[in-house]
N, C-alpha and C. Protein backbone atom coordinates (compact mmCIF):
# COMPACT_ATOMS: atom_id res chain seq x y z
N VAL A 1 -20.31 1.69 15.63
CA VAL A 1 -18.98 1.98 15.02
C VAL A 1 -18.43 3.55 14.93
N GLN A 2 -17.33 3.76 15.32
CA GLN A 2 -16.88 5.21 15.13
C GLN A 2 -15.27 5.06 14.62
N LEU A 3 -15.19 6.02 13.56
CA LEU A 3 -13.75 6.28 13.09
C LEU A 3 -13.27 7.50 13.28
N GLN A 4 -12.19 7.67 13.75
CA GLN A 4 -11.52 8.87 14.01
C GLN A 4 -10.19 9.16 13.18
N ALA A 5 -10.33 9.98 12.32
CA ALA A 5 -9.22 10.40 11.44
C ALA A 5 -8.32 11.17 12.02
N SER A 6 -7.21 11.30 11.60
CA SER A 6 -6.10 12.41 12.13
C SER A 6 -4.87 12.44 11.35
N GLY A 7 -4.13 13.45 11.24
CA GLY A 7 -2.87 13.60 10.88
C GLY A 7 -2.88 14.61 9.72
N GLY A 8 -3.91 15.31 9.40
CA GLY A 8 -3.82 16.26 8.46
C GLY A 8 -3.07 17.44 8.70
N GLY A 9 -3.05 18.36 7.89
CA GLY A 9 -2.25 19.69 8.15
C GLY A 9 -1.75 20.18 6.89
N LEU A 10 -0.83 21.30 7.10
CA LEU A 10 -0.49 22.03 5.96
C LEU A 10 1.06 21.67 5.57
N VAL A 11 1.11 21.40 4.40
CA VAL A 11 2.40 21.09 3.76
C VAL A 11 2.85 21.57 2.39
N GLN A 12 4.09 21.88 2.18
CA GLN A 12 4.15 22.44 0.80
C GLN A 12 4.27 21.23 -0.26
N THR A 13 4.14 21.78 -1.49
CA THR A 13 4.25 20.89 -2.70
C THR A 13 5.23 20.13 -2.62
N GLY A 14 5.25 18.78 -2.97
CA GLY A 14 6.19 17.84 -3.01
C GLY A 14 6.63 17.17 -1.67
N GLY A 15 5.91 17.56 -0.51
CA GLY A 15 5.95 17.13 0.69
C GLY A 15 5.31 16.02 0.95
N SER A 16 5.28 15.34 2.35
CA SER A 16 4.58 14.13 2.63
C SER A 16 3.72 14.22 3.97
N LEU A 17 2.62 13.59 4.01
CA LEU A 17 1.62 13.47 5.23
C LEU A 17 1.27 12.04 5.30
N SER A 18 0.92 11.77 6.50
CA SER A 18 0.54 10.51 6.86
C SER A 18 -0.62 10.71 7.70
N LEU A 19 -1.82 10.03 7.22
CA LEU A 19 -3.32 9.93 7.76
C LEU A 19 -3.30 8.70 8.61
N SER A 20 -3.94 8.70 9.59
CA SER A 20 -4.51 7.69 10.39
C SER A 20 -6.03 7.41 10.79
N CYS A 21 -6.59 6.41 10.80
CA CYS A 21 -8.01 6.42 11.14
C CYS A 21 -8.20 5.12 11.89
N ALA A 22 -8.60 5.43 13.23
CA ALA A 22 -8.85 4.45 14.15
C ALA A 22 -10.41 4.09 14.35
N ALA A 23 -10.60 2.73 14.17
CA ALA A 23 -12.11 2.24 14.36
C ALA A 23 -12.34 1.73 15.68
N SER A 24 -13.35 2.06 16.30
CA SER A 24 -13.62 1.47 17.57
C SER A 24 -15.08 1.08 17.44
N GLY A 25 -15.59 -0.11 18.18
CA GLY A 25 -16.91 -0.61 17.92
C GLY A 25 -17.09 -1.42 16.64
N SER A 26 -15.97 -1.75 16.18
CA SER A 26 -15.99 -2.45 14.81
C SER A 26 -15.25 -3.69 14.89
N ILE A 27 -15.62 -4.66 14.07
CA ILE A 27 -15.07 -5.98 14.11
C ILE A 27 -13.78 -5.97 13.12
N PHE A 28 -13.93 -4.81 12.37
CA PHE A 28 -12.78 -4.58 11.40
C PHE A 28 -12.31 -5.60 10.36
N SER A 29 -13.49 -6.11 10.04
CA SER A 29 -13.10 -7.21 9.01
C SER A 29 -13.72 -6.70 7.70
N HIS A 30 -13.88 -5.43 7.43
CA HIS A 30 -14.51 -4.96 6.20
C HIS A 30 -13.58 -4.25 5.50
N VAL A 31 -14.07 -3.64 4.32
CA VAL A 31 -13.10 -2.83 3.46
C VAL A 31 -12.83 -1.40 4.13
N MET A 32 -11.76 -0.84 4.36
CA MET A 32 -11.45 0.39 4.78
C MET A 32 -11.02 1.32 3.54
N GLY A 33 -11.34 2.63 3.59
CA GLY A 33 -11.07 3.36 2.52
C GLY A 33 -10.90 4.82 2.93
N TRP A 34 -10.03 5.65 2.09
CA TRP A 34 -9.88 6.91 2.22
C TRP A 34 -10.69 7.65 1.16
N TYR A 35 -11.41 8.62 1.25
CA TYR A 35 -12.00 9.48 0.44
C TYR A 35 -11.59 10.89 0.63
N ARG A 36 -11.74 11.74 -0.38
CA ARG A 36 -11.60 13.28 -0.29
C ARG A 36 -12.65 14.12 -0.85
N GLN A 37 -12.72 15.24 -0.49
CA GLN A 37 -13.59 16.31 -0.93
C GLN A 37 -13.10 17.55 -0.97
N ALA A 38 -12.87 18.21 -2.17
CA ALA A 38 -12.21 19.44 -2.04
C ALA A 38 -13.50 20.55 -2.24
N PRO A 39 -13.10 21.70 -2.14
CA PRO A 39 -14.25 22.66 -2.04
C PRO A 39 -14.75 22.74 -3.40
N GLY A 40 -16.26 22.85 -3.39
CA GLY A 40 -16.90 22.70 -4.57
C GLY A 40 -16.90 21.48 -5.56
N LYS A 41 -16.42 20.40 -5.01
CA LYS A 41 -16.40 19.22 -5.72
C LYS A 41 -16.95 18.08 -5.11
N GLN A 42 -17.31 17.13 -5.74
CA GLN A 42 -17.81 15.87 -5.06
C GLN A 42 -16.72 15.22 -4.43
N ARG A 43 -17.27 14.27 -3.40
CA ARG A 43 -16.31 13.50 -2.73
C ARG A 43 -16.00 12.27 -3.58
N GLU A 44 -14.79 12.07 -3.69
CA GLU A 44 -14.04 10.98 -4.30
C GLU A 44 -13.33 9.88 -3.72
N LYS A 45 -13.04 8.84 -4.21
CA LYS A 45 -12.50 7.78 -3.54
C LYS A 45 -10.99 8.03 -3.84
N VAL A 46 -10.11 7.87 -2.73
CA VAL A 46 -8.76 7.98 -2.87
C VAL A 46 -8.00 6.54 -3.08
N ALA A 47 -8.31 5.59 -2.03
CA ALA A 47 -7.86 4.42 -1.84
C ALA A 47 -8.67 3.57 -1.03
N TYR A 48 -8.64 2.11 -1.42
CA TYR A 48 -9.19 1.28 -0.33
C TYR A 48 -8.34 0.06 -0.13
N ILE A 49 -8.68 -0.73 1.00
CA ILE A 49 -7.98 -1.83 1.31
C ILE A 49 -8.77 -2.85 1.75
N THR A 50 -8.83 -4.05 1.49
CA THR A 50 -9.72 -5.06 1.82
C THR A 50 -9.26 -5.77 3.18
N ASP A 51 -9.92 -6.52 3.86
CA ASP A 51 -9.46 -7.20 5.06
C ASP A 51 -8.30 -8.16 4.73
N GLY A 52 -8.24 -8.49 3.41
CA GLY A 52 -7.22 -9.35 2.98
C GLY A 52 -6.00 -8.69 2.47
N GLY A 53 -5.98 -7.38 2.28
CA GLY A 53 -4.97 -6.76 2.01
C GLY A 53 -4.92 -6.15 0.48
N ILE A 54 -5.89 -6.46 -0.15
CA ILE A 54 -5.96 -6.08 -1.53
C ILE A 54 -6.32 -4.51 -1.75
N THR A 55 -5.42 -3.90 -2.23
CA THR A 55 -5.72 -2.30 -2.52
C THR A 55 -6.14 -1.91 -3.85
N ASN A 56 -6.59 -0.65 -3.78
CA ASN A 56 -7.26 -0.12 -4.98
C ASN A 56 -6.93 1.46 -4.90
N TYR A 57 -6.29 2.06 -6.03
CA TYR A 57 -6.22 3.47 -5.80
C TYR A 57 -6.90 4.43 -6.95
N ALA A 58 -7.03 5.56 -6.57
CA ALA A 58 -7.58 6.45 -7.86
C ALA A 58 -6.37 6.67 -8.54
N ASP A 59 -6.38 6.75 -10.07
CA ASP A 59 -5.45 7.10 -10.82
C ASP A 59 -4.53 8.35 -10.43
N SER A 60 -5.41 9.33 -9.87
CA SER A 60 -4.58 10.52 -9.58
C SER A 60 -3.53 10.22 -8.47
N VAL A 61 -3.62 9.29 -7.78
CA VAL A 61 -2.75 8.96 -6.53
C VAL A 61 -1.85 8.14 -6.79
N LYS A 62 -1.89 7.08 -7.79
CA LYS A 62 -1.21 5.80 -7.86
C LYS A 62 0.23 6.26 -7.83
N GLY A 63 1.10 5.63 -7.34
CA GLY A 63 2.54 5.80 -7.24
C GLY A 63 3.05 6.88 -6.19
N ARG A 64 1.94 7.61 -5.68
CA ARG A 64 2.36 8.71 -4.66
C ARG A 64 1.69 8.38 -3.38
N PHE A 65 0.56 7.65 -3.28
CA PHE A 65 -0.12 7.49 -1.95
C PHE A 65 -0.06 5.72 -1.74
N THR A 66 0.06 5.44 -0.45
CA THR A 66 0.08 4.05 0.01
C THR A 66 -1.05 3.80 1.13
N ILE A 67 -1.86 2.87 0.85
CA ILE A 67 -2.83 2.70 1.96
C ILE A 67 -2.34 1.33 2.67
N SER A 68 -2.55 1.31 4.09
CA SER A 68 -2.30 0.11 4.74
C SER A 68 -3.23 0.00 5.95
N ARG A 69 -3.28 -1.07 6.36
CA ARG A 69 -4.05 -1.40 7.80
C ARG A 69 -3.33 -2.28 8.75
N ASP A 70 -3.57 -1.99 10.07
CA ASP A 70 -3.26 -2.81 11.16
C ASP A 70 -4.47 -3.41 11.86
N ASN A 71 -4.59 -4.53 11.37
CA ASN A 71 -6.03 -5.19 11.97
C ASN A 71 -6.02 -5.36 13.46
N ALA A 72 -4.89 -5.32 14.05
CA ALA A 72 -4.59 -5.75 15.56
C ALA A 72 -5.02 -4.29 16.25
N LYS A 73 -4.42 -3.28 15.51
CA LYS A 73 -4.77 -1.89 16.15
C LYS A 73 -6.12 -1.52 15.61
N ARG A 74 -6.76 -2.05 14.78
CA ARG A 74 -7.85 -1.50 14.14
C ARG A 74 -7.68 -0.10 13.55
N CYS A 75 -6.73 0.07 12.76
CA CYS A 75 -6.35 1.22 12.27
C CYS A 75 -6.14 1.11 10.75
N VAL A 76 -6.22 2.13 9.98
CA VAL A 76 -6.00 2.37 8.52
C VAL A 76 -5.22 3.58 8.41
N TYR A 77 -4.29 3.51 7.55
CA TYR A 77 -3.27 4.55 7.29
C TYR A 77 -3.34 4.84 5.64
N LEU A 78 -2.81 6.28 5.51
CA LEU A 78 -2.69 6.76 4.11
C LEU A 78 -1.41 7.50 4.07
N GLN A 79 -0.27 6.75 3.53
CA GLN A 79 0.85 7.68 3.35
C GLN A 79 0.80 8.36 1.99
N MET A 80 1.06 9.65 2.01
CA MET A 80 0.80 10.59 1.07
C MET A 80 2.17 11.11 0.76
N ASN A 81 2.84 10.97 -0.45
CA ASN A 81 4.13 11.43 -0.77
C ASN A 81 3.99 12.33 -2.12
N SER A 82 4.85 12.94 -2.34
CA SER A 82 4.84 14.11 -3.63
C SER A 82 3.52 14.69 -3.82
N LEU A 83 3.13 15.37 -2.75
CA LEU A 83 1.84 16.01 -2.68
C LEU A 83 1.82 17.12 -3.40
N LYS A 84 0.53 17.29 -4.12
CA LYS A 84 0.26 18.35 -5.07
C LYS A 84 -0.66 19.37 -4.49
N ALA A 85 -0.75 20.68 -5.16
CA ALA A 85 -1.95 21.44 -4.74
C ALA A 85 -3.18 20.70 -4.85
N GLU A 86 -3.40 19.89 -5.89
CA GLU A 86 -4.73 19.36 -6.22
C GLU A 86 -5.07 18.36 -5.35
N ASP A 87 -4.17 17.94 -4.15
CA ASP A 87 -4.42 17.04 -3.34
C ASP A 87 -5.05 17.72 -2.26
N THR A 88 -5.26 19.08 -2.01
CA THR A 88 -5.87 19.70 -0.98
C THR A 88 -7.25 19.34 -0.90
N ALA A 89 -7.86 18.98 0.26
CA ALA A 89 -9.10 18.50 0.46
C ALA A 89 -9.33 17.92 1.81
N VAL A 90 -10.49 17.72 2.11
CA VAL A 90 -10.87 17.11 3.46
C VAL A 90 -10.93 15.63 3.23
N TYR A 91 -10.16 15.00 4.00
CA TYR A 91 -9.90 13.46 3.74
C TYR A 91 -10.88 12.63 4.79
N TYR A 92 -11.54 11.68 4.29
CA TYR A 92 -12.37 10.99 5.27
C TYR A 92 -12.16 9.64 5.17
N CYS A 93 -12.05 8.89 6.22
CA CYS A 93 -12.02 7.44 6.25
C CYS A 93 -13.35 6.80 6.25
N ARG A 94 -13.43 5.64 5.86
CA ARG A 94 -14.69 4.94 5.57
C ARG A 94 -14.56 3.45 5.89
N GLU A 95 -15.53 2.85 6.46
CA GLU A 95 -15.57 1.33 6.53
C GLU A 95 -16.79 0.93 5.98
N TRP A 96 -16.83 -0.06 5.21
CA TRP A 96 -18.11 -0.62 4.70
C TRP A 96 -17.91 -2.12 4.35
N SER A 97 -19.07 -2.75 4.28
CA SER A 97 -19.25 -4.11 3.99
C SER A 97 -19.60 -4.31 2.46
N THR A 98 -19.06 -5.26 1.85
CA THR A 98 -19.37 -5.59 0.30
C THR A 98 -20.69 -6.32 0.26
N THR A 99 -20.94 -6.97 1.39
CA THR A 99 -22.08 -7.90 1.39
C THR A 99 -23.36 -7.24 2.15
N ASP A 100 -23.31 -6.30 2.84
CA ASP A 100 -24.19 -5.60 3.71
C ASP A 100 -24.30 -4.24 3.43
N SER A 101 -25.35 -3.55 2.75
CA SER A 101 -25.17 -2.29 2.36
C SER A 101 -25.50 -1.26 3.43
N VAL A 102 -26.03 -1.99 4.76
CA VAL A 102 -26.24 -1.20 5.77
C VAL A 102 -25.01 -0.80 6.50
N TYR A 103 -24.06 -1.59 6.57
CA TYR A 103 -22.83 -1.47 7.12
C TYR A 103 -22.03 -0.34 6.45
N ASN A 104 -21.91 0.76 6.71
CA ASN A 104 -21.37 1.83 6.03
C ASN A 104 -21.07 2.87 6.98
N TYR A 105 -19.84 3.27 7.29
CA TYR A 105 -19.47 4.21 8.37
C TYR A 105 -18.51 5.12 7.76
N TRP A 106 -18.45 6.46 8.32
CA TRP A 106 -17.66 7.57 7.97
C TRP A 106 -17.00 8.13 9.09
N GLY A 107 -15.73 8.58 9.01
CA GLY A 107 -14.99 9.30 9.94
C GLY A 107 -15.50 10.70 9.65
N GLN A 108 -14.85 11.71 10.61
CA GLN A 108 -15.43 13.06 10.72
C GLN A 108 -14.42 13.99 9.66
N GLY A 109 -13.48 13.38 9.11
CA GLY A 109 -12.64 14.15 8.15
C GLY A 109 -11.42 14.88 8.70
N THR A 110 -10.31 15.16 8.07
CA THR A 110 -9.30 15.77 8.46
C THR A 110 -8.77 16.65 7.14
N GLN A 111 -8.52 17.80 7.32
CA GLN A 111 -8.14 18.84 6.32
C GLN A 111 -6.60 18.59 6.06
N VAL A 112 -6.27 18.39 4.63
CA VAL A 112 -5.00 18.33 4.21
C VAL A 112 -4.84 19.65 3.09
N THR A 113 -3.96 20.33 3.33
CA THR A 113 -3.62 21.60 2.58
C THR A 113 -2.46 21.41 2.04
N VAL A 114 -2.32 21.66 0.52
CA VAL A 114 -0.91 21.61 0.10
C VAL A 114 -0.66 22.87 -0.64
N SER A 115 0.35 23.55 -0.02
CA SER A 115 0.58 25.09 -0.63
C SER A 115 1.79 25.00 -1.75
N SER A 116 1.54 25.79 -2.78
CA SER A 116 2.55 25.91 -3.71
C SER A 116 3.65 26.77 -3.33
């Protein structure tokens, strides 16, 4: 399984960015999520979506970020609006199984920088 994240970049406070993550070699029937890691901080969950479309968000991004998935394209997306400086981080996509702990894959990360 390979996860390829893209869409990061530099944006001003209040702006928007959309991240994409394409999965290959996957049956794409597991949970897909986005995590982020800021310098000097631990990696944290941003949002995830189950194969049935159930979503979950970190409190810090609720109402601003939207996660979605296209099972036919084997892609997961993260629409980020009203970006803040504290959203600056490397964003990683992840695919994992809730029933098989061995099935756990990470993408390479994409940098999101929000300037004030």
